[in-house]
N, C-alpha and C. Protein backbone atom coordinates (compact mmCIF):
# COMPACT_ATOMS: atom_id res chain seq x y z
N MET A 1 -28.40 -15.18 -11.51
CA MET A 1 -27.72 -16.12 -10.64
C MET A 1 -26.62 -15.42 -9.83
N LEU A 2 -25.87 -14.54 -10.48
CA LEU A 2 -24.82 -13.80 -9.79
C LEU A 2 -25.42 -12.91 -8.71
N GLU A 3 -26.58 -12.31 -9.01
CA GLU A 3 -27.26 -11.46 -8.04
C GLU A 3 -27.63 -12.23 -6.78
N ASN A 4 -28.08 -13.47 -6.94
CA ASN A 4 -28.42 -14.32 -5.79
C ASN A 4 -27.18 -14.64 -4.96
N LEU A 5 -26.06 -14.89 -5.64
CA LEU A 5 -24.81 -15.16 -4.94
C LEU A 5 -24.40 -13.93 -4.13
N TYR A 6 -24.51 -12.74 -4.74
CA TYR A 6 -24.16 -11.50 -4.05
C TYR A 6 -25.04 -11.29 -2.82
N LYS A 7 -26.34 -11.57 -2.96
CA LYS A 7 -27.26 -11.44 -1.82
C LYS A 7 -26.84 -12.38 -0.70
N GLN A 8 -26.45 -13.60 -1.06
CA GLN A 8 -26.04 -14.58 -0.06
C GLN A 8 -24.77 -14.12 0.66
N ILE A 9 -23.82 -13.56 -0.07
CA ILE A 9 -22.58 -13.06 0.55
C ILE A 9 -22.90 -11.95 1.53
N VAL A 10 -23.77 -11.04 1.14
CA VAL A 10 -24.15 -9.94 2.03
C VAL A 10 -24.83 -10.49 3.28
N MET A 11 -25.74 -11.42 3.11
CA MET A 11 -26.45 -11.97 4.27
C MET A 11 -25.51 -12.78 5.17
N ASP A 12 -24.56 -13.47 4.60
CA ASP A 12 -23.58 -14.20 5.41
C ASP A 12 -22.78 -13.24 6.29
N HIS A 13 -22.33 -12.12 5.72
CA HIS A 13 -21.57 -11.13 6.50
C HIS A 13 -22.47 -10.46 7.55
N TYR A 14 -23.73 -10.30 7.24
CA TYR A 14 -24.66 -9.68 8.19
C TYR A 14 -24.94 -10.61 9.37
N LYS A 15 -25.20 -11.86 9.07
CA LYS A 15 -25.55 -12.82 10.12
C LYS A 15 -24.35 -13.26 10.94
N LYS A 16 -23.18 -13.35 10.30
CA LYS A 16 -21.95 -13.78 10.98
C LYS A 16 -20.84 -12.78 10.63
N PRO A 17 -20.93 -11.58 11.20
CA PRO A 17 -19.95 -10.54 10.84
C PRO A 17 -18.54 -10.91 11.27
N HIS A 18 -17.59 -10.58 10.42
CA HIS A 18 -16.18 -10.80 10.72
C HIS A 18 -15.66 -9.60 11.50
N ASN A 19 -14.73 -9.84 12.40
CA ASN A 19 -14.05 -8.78 13.14
C ASN A 19 -15.00 -7.94 13.98
N LYS A 20 -16.05 -8.55 14.48
CA LYS A 20 -16.99 -7.82 15.34
C LYS A 20 -16.50 -7.92 16.78
N GLY A 21 -16.49 -6.79 17.45
CA GLY A 21 -16.08 -6.74 18.85
C GLY A 21 -15.24 -5.51 19.11
N LYS A 22 -14.64 -5.48 20.30
CA LYS A 22 -13.82 -4.33 20.71
C LYS A 22 -12.35 -4.69 20.69
N LEU A 23 -11.53 -3.68 20.53
CA LEU A 23 -10.10 -3.80 20.76
C LEU A 23 -9.81 -3.06 22.06
N THR A 24 -9.13 -3.71 22.95
CA THR A 24 -8.86 -3.08 24.24
C THR A 24 -7.37 -2.80 24.46
N GLU A 25 -6.56 -3.13 23.45
CA GLU A 25 -5.12 -2.90 23.59
C GLU A 25 -4.81 -1.42 23.76
N GLU A 26 -3.76 -1.15 24.51
CA GLU A 26 -3.31 0.23 24.67
C GLU A 26 -2.93 0.78 23.29
N GLY A 27 -3.32 1.99 23.04
CA GLY A 27 -3.02 2.62 21.77
C GLY A 27 -4.07 2.39 20.70
N SER A 28 -5.11 1.62 21.05
CA SER A 28 -6.19 1.40 20.08
C SER A 28 -6.98 2.68 19.88
N LEU A 29 -7.28 2.95 18.65
CA LEU A 29 -8.09 4.10 18.30
C LEU A 29 -9.55 3.67 18.33
N GLN A 30 -10.41 4.49 18.87
CA GLN A 30 -11.83 4.18 18.93
C GLN A 30 -12.59 5.34 18.31
N LEU A 31 -13.44 5.06 17.32
CA LEU A 31 -14.16 6.11 16.64
C LEU A 31 -15.63 5.74 16.45
N PRO A 32 -16.54 6.46 17.13
CA PRO A 32 -17.96 6.24 16.87
C PRO A 32 -18.36 6.93 15.56
N TYR A 33 -19.28 6.32 14.83
CA TYR A 33 -19.72 6.91 13.57
C TYR A 33 -21.19 6.56 13.36
N LYS A 34 -21.96 7.54 12.88
CA LYS A 34 -23.41 7.36 12.72
C LYS A 34 -23.82 7.79 11.32
N ASN A 35 -24.73 7.03 10.74
CA ASN A 35 -25.32 7.40 9.45
C ASN A 35 -26.47 8.36 9.75
N PRO A 36 -26.32 9.63 9.41
CA PRO A 36 -27.35 10.61 9.76
C PRO A 36 -28.67 10.40 9.04
N THR A 37 -28.67 9.69 7.92
CA THR A 37 -29.90 9.53 7.16
C THR A 37 -30.81 8.42 7.67
N CYS A 38 -30.25 7.46 8.43
CA CYS A 38 -31.11 6.36 8.86
C CYS A 38 -30.92 5.94 10.32
N GLY A 39 -29.86 6.40 10.95
CA GLY A 39 -29.64 6.05 12.34
C GLY A 39 -28.75 4.84 12.57
N ASP A 40 -28.24 4.19 11.53
CA ASP A 40 -27.30 3.09 11.72
C ASP A 40 -26.07 3.64 12.44
N VAL A 41 -25.54 2.88 13.38
CA VAL A 41 -24.38 3.33 14.15
C VAL A 41 -23.32 2.24 14.21
N MET A 42 -22.08 2.68 14.36
CA MET A 42 -20.99 1.73 14.56
C MET A 42 -19.88 2.43 15.34
N VAL A 43 -19.10 1.63 16.00
CA VAL A 43 -17.87 2.10 16.62
C VAL A 43 -16.76 1.28 15.99
N LEU A 44 -15.77 1.98 15.47
CA LEU A 44 -14.64 1.35 14.83
C LEU A 44 -13.46 1.36 15.79
N TYR A 45 -12.80 0.23 15.94
CA TYR A 45 -11.61 0.09 16.77
C TYR A 45 -10.46 -0.29 15.85
N MET A 46 -9.33 0.37 16.00
CA MET A 46 -8.23 0.11 15.07
C MET A 46 -6.88 0.31 15.76
N ASN A 47 -5.95 -0.54 15.42
CA ASN A 47 -4.56 -0.41 15.84
C ASN A 47 -3.69 -0.29 14.60
N VAL A 48 -2.91 0.77 14.54
CA VAL A 48 -1.95 0.95 13.46
C VAL A 48 -0.57 0.79 14.08
N ASP A 49 0.26 -0.09 13.50
CA ASP A 49 1.57 -0.35 14.09
C ASP A 49 2.61 0.69 13.66
N GLU A 50 3.84 0.50 14.14
CA GLU A 50 4.92 1.46 13.87
C GLU A 50 5.31 1.52 12.40
N ASN A 51 4.91 0.51 11.62
CA ASN A 51 5.20 0.49 10.18
C ASN A 51 4.04 1.06 9.36
N ASN A 52 3.09 1.69 10.06
CA ASN A 52 1.93 2.31 9.43
C ASN A 52 1.03 1.28 8.74
N LYS A 53 0.92 0.10 9.34
CA LYS A 53 0.01 -0.95 8.85
C LYS A 53 -1.12 -1.11 9.85
N ILE A 54 -2.28 -1.43 9.35
CA ILE A 54 -3.43 -1.68 10.22
C ILE A 54 -3.24 -3.08 10.81
N LYS A 55 -2.77 -3.07 12.03
CA LYS A 55 -2.45 -4.32 12.73
C LYS A 55 -3.73 -5.09 13.06
N ASP A 56 -4.74 -4.38 13.53
CA ASP A 56 -6.01 -5.01 13.87
C ASP A 56 -7.12 -3.99 13.72
N ILE A 57 -8.31 -4.48 13.41
CA ILE A 57 -9.47 -3.61 13.24
C ILE A 57 -10.71 -4.41 13.57
N LYS A 58 -11.59 -3.80 14.33
CA LYS A 58 -12.86 -4.44 14.71
C LYS A 58 -13.94 -3.37 14.70
N PHE A 59 -15.18 -3.81 14.78
CA PHE A 59 -16.28 -2.87 14.86
C PHE A 59 -17.41 -3.46 15.70
N GLU A 60 -18.21 -2.57 16.23
CA GLU A 60 -19.47 -2.92 16.87
C GLU A 60 -20.51 -2.01 16.24
N GLY A 61 -21.73 -2.45 16.18
CA GLY A 61 -22.74 -1.57 15.62
C GLY A 61 -24.09 -2.21 15.49
N GLU A 62 -25.03 -1.36 15.11
CA GLU A 62 -26.39 -1.79 14.84
C GLU A 62 -26.86 -1.09 13.58
N GLY A 63 -27.49 -1.85 12.72
CA GLY A 63 -28.00 -1.24 11.50
C GLY A 63 -28.54 -2.28 10.55
N CYS A 64 -28.81 -1.83 9.36
CA CYS A 64 -29.39 -2.71 8.35
C CYS A 64 -28.35 -3.73 7.86
N SER A 65 -28.83 -4.69 7.11
CA SER A 65 -27.95 -5.74 6.61
C SER A 65 -26.84 -5.18 5.73
N ILE A 66 -27.13 -4.17 4.93
CA ILE A 66 -26.11 -3.60 4.04
C ILE A 66 -25.01 -2.92 4.85
N SER A 67 -25.38 -2.11 5.84
CA SER A 67 -24.35 -1.38 6.59
C SER A 67 -23.48 -2.31 7.42
N MET A 68 -24.09 -3.29 8.08
CA MET A 68 -23.31 -4.19 8.93
C MET A 68 -22.47 -5.16 8.10
N ALA A 69 -23.01 -5.64 6.99
CA ALA A 69 -22.23 -6.52 6.10
C ALA A 69 -21.06 -5.74 5.52
N SER A 70 -21.29 -4.50 5.13
CA SER A 70 -20.23 -3.69 4.55
C SER A 70 -19.11 -3.44 5.57
N CYS A 71 -19.47 -3.21 6.83
CA CYS A 71 -18.46 -3.04 7.89
C CYS A 71 -17.61 -4.30 8.02
N SER A 72 -18.26 -5.45 8.00
CA SER A 72 -17.56 -6.73 8.10
C SER A 72 -16.60 -6.91 6.93
N MET A 73 -17.08 -6.63 5.72
CA MET A 73 -16.25 -6.77 4.53
C MET A 73 -15.07 -5.81 4.56
N MET A 74 -15.34 -4.58 5.00
CA MET A 74 -14.29 -3.55 5.05
C MET A 74 -13.17 -3.97 6.00
N THR A 75 -13.53 -4.48 7.18
CA THR A 75 -12.49 -4.87 8.13
C THR A 75 -11.64 -6.02 7.58
N ASP A 76 -12.29 -6.96 6.89
CA ASP A 76 -11.54 -8.05 6.25
C ASP A 76 -10.53 -7.51 5.24
N LEU A 77 -10.97 -6.54 4.46
CA LEU A 77 -10.14 -6.02 3.37
C LEU A 77 -8.93 -5.22 3.84
N VAL A 78 -9.08 -4.44 4.90
CA VAL A 78 -8.00 -3.53 5.27
C VAL A 78 -7.08 -4.06 6.37
N LYS A 79 -7.49 -5.09 7.06
CA LYS A 79 -6.64 -5.64 8.12
C LYS A 79 -5.33 -6.14 7.51
N GLY A 80 -4.22 -5.66 8.04
CA GLY A 80 -2.90 -6.04 7.55
C GLY A 80 -2.37 -5.16 6.43
N LYS A 81 -3.20 -4.27 5.92
CA LYS A 81 -2.76 -3.37 4.85
C LYS A 81 -2.12 -2.12 5.43
N SER A 82 -1.30 -1.48 4.62
CA SER A 82 -0.74 -0.20 5.03
C SER A 82 -1.85 0.84 5.00
N VAL A 83 -1.64 1.95 5.69
CA VAL A 83 -2.60 3.04 5.69
C VAL A 83 -2.85 3.52 4.26
N GLU A 84 -1.79 3.63 3.46
CA GLU A 84 -1.94 4.08 2.07
C GLU A 84 -2.77 3.08 1.25
N GLU A 85 -2.53 1.79 1.44
CA GLU A 85 -3.32 0.77 0.74
C GLU A 85 -4.79 0.85 1.16
N ALA A 86 -5.02 1.08 2.45
CA ALA A 86 -6.40 1.21 2.94
C ALA A 86 -7.08 2.41 2.31
N LYS A 87 -6.37 3.53 2.21
CA LYS A 87 -6.95 4.73 1.57
C LYS A 87 -7.32 4.44 0.12
N HIS A 88 -6.46 3.71 -0.57
CA HIS A 88 -6.75 3.35 -1.96
C HIS A 88 -8.00 2.47 -2.03
N THR A 89 -8.11 1.51 -1.12
CA THR A 89 -9.27 0.61 -1.11
C THR A 89 -10.55 1.40 -0.83
N ILE A 90 -10.48 2.37 0.07
CA ILE A 90 -11.63 3.24 0.35
C ILE A 90 -12.06 3.95 -0.94
N ALA A 91 -11.10 4.49 -1.67
CA ALA A 91 -11.40 5.21 -2.91
C ALA A 91 -12.05 4.29 -3.94
N VAL A 92 -11.53 3.09 -4.08
CA VAL A 92 -12.07 2.13 -5.04
C VAL A 92 -13.51 1.76 -4.67
N PHE A 93 -13.75 1.53 -3.37
CA PHE A 93 -15.10 1.19 -2.92
C PHE A 93 -16.05 2.37 -3.14
N ASN A 94 -15.61 3.57 -2.79
CA ASN A 94 -16.43 4.77 -3.00
C ASN A 94 -16.81 4.93 -4.47
N ASN A 95 -15.85 4.72 -5.37
CA ASN A 95 -16.13 4.83 -6.81
C ASN A 95 -17.15 3.79 -7.27
N MET A 96 -17.08 2.60 -6.69
CA MET A 96 -18.03 1.56 -7.05
C MET A 96 -19.44 1.96 -6.61
N ILE A 97 -19.57 2.44 -5.38
CA ILE A 97 -20.89 2.77 -4.85
C ILE A 97 -21.44 4.05 -5.48
N LYS A 98 -20.64 5.10 -5.50
CA LYS A 98 -21.14 6.40 -5.95
C LYS A 98 -21.21 6.54 -7.47
N LEU A 99 -20.25 5.95 -8.18
CA LEU A 99 -20.15 6.14 -9.62
C LEU A 99 -20.49 4.89 -10.44
N GLY A 100 -20.61 3.76 -9.77
CA GLY A 100 -20.87 2.51 -10.47
C GLY A 100 -19.66 1.93 -11.17
N GLU A 101 -18.46 2.41 -10.81
CA GLU A 101 -17.22 1.93 -11.43
C GLU A 101 -16.71 0.68 -10.72
N LEU A 102 -16.63 -0.39 -11.46
CA LEU A 102 -16.07 -1.62 -10.89
C LEU A 102 -14.55 -1.55 -10.98
N PRO A 103 -13.85 -2.12 -10.02
CA PRO A 103 -12.38 -2.10 -10.07
C PRO A 103 -11.86 -2.93 -11.24
N GLU A 104 -10.71 -2.52 -11.77
CA GLU A 104 -10.09 -3.30 -12.85
C GLU A 104 -9.82 -4.72 -12.38
N ASP A 105 -9.28 -4.84 -11.17
CA ASP A 105 -9.02 -6.13 -10.57
C ASP A 105 -10.12 -6.39 -9.54
N GLU A 106 -11.06 -7.24 -9.87
CA GLU A 106 -12.21 -7.47 -8.99
C GLU A 106 -11.81 -8.08 -7.66
N GLU A 107 -10.65 -8.72 -7.61
CA GLU A 107 -10.16 -9.30 -6.35
C GLU A 107 -9.84 -8.20 -5.33
N GLU A 108 -9.61 -6.99 -5.83
CA GLU A 108 -9.23 -5.88 -4.97
C GLU A 108 -10.28 -5.60 -3.88
N LEU A 109 -11.55 -5.83 -4.20
CA LEU A 109 -12.61 -5.57 -3.23
C LEU A 109 -13.15 -6.83 -2.57
N GLY A 110 -12.69 -7.98 -2.99
CA GLY A 110 -13.13 -9.23 -2.36
C GLY A 110 -14.64 -9.32 -2.27
N ASP A 111 -15.14 -9.73 -1.11
CA ASP A 111 -16.58 -9.87 -0.91
C ASP A 111 -17.33 -8.56 -1.07
N ALA A 112 -16.66 -7.41 -0.87
CA ALA A 112 -17.33 -6.12 -0.97
C ALA A 112 -17.85 -5.86 -2.39
N LEU A 113 -17.35 -6.60 -3.35
CA LEU A 113 -17.86 -6.49 -4.72
C LEU A 113 -19.35 -6.87 -4.76
N ALA A 114 -19.79 -7.68 -3.80
CA ALA A 114 -21.19 -8.08 -3.72
C ALA A 114 -22.11 -6.89 -3.49
N LEU A 115 -21.55 -5.77 -3.06
CA LEU A 115 -22.36 -4.57 -2.82
C LEU A 115 -22.41 -3.65 -4.05
N SER A 116 -21.90 -4.09 -5.18
CA SER A 116 -21.86 -3.25 -6.38
C SER A 116 -23.24 -2.79 -6.82
N GLY A 117 -24.26 -3.59 -6.60
CA GLY A 117 -25.62 -3.23 -6.98
C GLY A 117 -26.20 -2.07 -6.19
N VAL A 118 -25.60 -1.75 -5.06
CA VAL A 118 -26.07 -0.63 -4.24
C VAL A 118 -25.95 0.69 -5.01
N HIS A 119 -25.05 0.73 -5.98
CA HIS A 119 -24.91 1.95 -6.79
C HIS A 119 -26.25 2.40 -7.36
N LYS A 120 -27.08 1.45 -7.74
CA LYS A 120 -28.38 1.76 -8.35
C LYS A 120 -29.42 2.20 -7.32
N LEU A 121 -29.11 2.00 -6.04
CA LEU A 121 -30.04 2.33 -4.95
C LEU A 121 -29.51 3.53 -4.17
N ARG A 122 -29.68 4.70 -4.72
CA ARG A 122 -29.09 5.91 -4.15
C ARG A 122 -29.39 6.07 -2.66
N ALA A 123 -30.58 5.70 -2.26
CA ALA A 123 -30.97 5.84 -0.85
C ALA A 123 -30.17 4.93 0.07
N ARG A 124 -29.48 3.94 -0.49
CA ARG A 124 -28.71 3.00 0.33
C ARG A 124 -27.21 3.24 0.27
N HIS A 125 -26.78 4.26 -0.47
CA HIS A 125 -25.35 4.57 -0.55
C HIS A 125 -24.74 4.76 0.84
N ASN A 126 -25.40 5.58 1.67
CA ASN A 126 -24.85 5.84 3.01
C ASN A 126 -24.79 4.59 3.86
N CYS A 127 -25.71 3.65 3.63
CA CYS A 127 -25.67 2.38 4.38
C CYS A 127 -24.36 1.65 4.06
N SER A 128 -24.09 1.50 2.78
CA SER A 128 -22.90 0.74 2.39
C SER A 128 -21.61 1.47 2.74
N LEU A 129 -21.67 2.79 2.85
CA LEU A 129 -20.46 3.58 3.11
C LEU A 129 -20.21 3.84 4.59
N LEU A 130 -21.12 3.41 5.47
CA LEU A 130 -20.99 3.69 6.91
C LEU A 130 -19.61 3.34 7.45
N GLY A 131 -19.20 2.10 7.33
CA GLY A 131 -17.91 1.67 7.85
C GLY A 131 -16.73 2.31 7.14
N TRP A 132 -16.88 2.50 5.85
CA TRP A 132 -15.80 3.08 5.04
C TRP A 132 -15.57 4.54 5.40
N ASN A 133 -16.67 5.28 5.62
CA ASN A 133 -16.53 6.67 6.05
C ASN A 133 -15.92 6.73 7.45
N GLY A 134 -16.32 5.79 8.31
CA GLY A 134 -15.73 5.72 9.64
C GLY A 134 -14.25 5.41 9.58
N LEU A 135 -13.86 4.50 8.69
CA LEU A 135 -12.45 4.17 8.53
C LEU A 135 -11.66 5.38 8.05
N GLU A 136 -12.22 6.11 7.10
CA GLU A 136 -11.54 7.31 6.60
C GLU A 136 -11.30 8.32 7.73
N LYS A 137 -12.31 8.52 8.56
CA LYS A 137 -12.16 9.44 9.71
C LYS A 137 -11.14 8.90 10.71
N ALA A 138 -11.16 7.59 10.95
CA ALA A 138 -10.20 6.98 11.88
C ALA A 138 -8.77 7.13 11.37
N LEU A 139 -8.57 6.98 10.07
CA LEU A 139 -7.22 7.16 9.50
C LEU A 139 -6.76 8.61 9.64
N GLN A 140 -7.68 9.55 9.45
CA GLN A 140 -7.36 10.96 9.65
C GLN A 140 -6.99 11.24 11.10
N GLN A 141 -7.76 10.66 12.01
CA GLN A 141 -7.48 10.83 13.45
C GLN A 141 -6.13 10.22 13.80
N ASN A 142 -5.82 9.07 13.23
CA ASN A 142 -4.54 8.41 13.47
C ASN A 142 -3.39 9.29 12.99
N GLU A 143 -3.53 9.91 11.81
CA GLU A 143 -2.49 10.80 11.29
C GLU A 143 -2.27 11.99 12.21
N LYS A 144 -3.35 12.55 12.73
CA LYS A 144 -3.24 13.70 13.66
C LYS A 144 -2.48 13.29 14.92
N GLN A 145 -2.76 12.09 15.43
CA GLN A 145 -2.09 11.60 16.64
C GLN A 145 -0.61 11.39 16.37
N GLN A 146 -0.26 10.92 15.17
CA GLN A 146 1.13 10.66 14.86
C GLN A 146 1.94 11.94 14.70
N THR A 147 1.29 13.02 14.30
CA THR A 147 2.02 14.28 14.09
C THR A 147 2.19 15.05 15.38
N LYS A 148 1.55 14.61 16.45
CA LYS A 148 1.71 15.30 17.75
C LYS A 148 3.00 14.92 18.42
């Protein structure tokens, strides 16, 4: 029964993705990212404010239900969080997908917990990590821009 609920959450995010679109504000970071194993693509748009919080985040992309749902879930989770909190959330999600480790506090991953079963599907790891890997690169790019 829980598995069916998780499937429904994934399909809801796939069919009606949250935070889909572009950010056009000045200072918005734009990062294209591609899954080399299957061709899924996304562009991540992000604004980090002066307090080092993710003020806004959106994405555009094409891909399978897992990759697009995961992007939607990821944007929901990190919007409004500090860069450090976002990095922690990336690590927790990575551990769930790659190692099968569920977070101590399941609320920490929200709807993204519905992707926990992907751990057993090694061929789909990159699908679920598409947006998260893009976010990690975007945060690195943001840090480089801030140090200039």
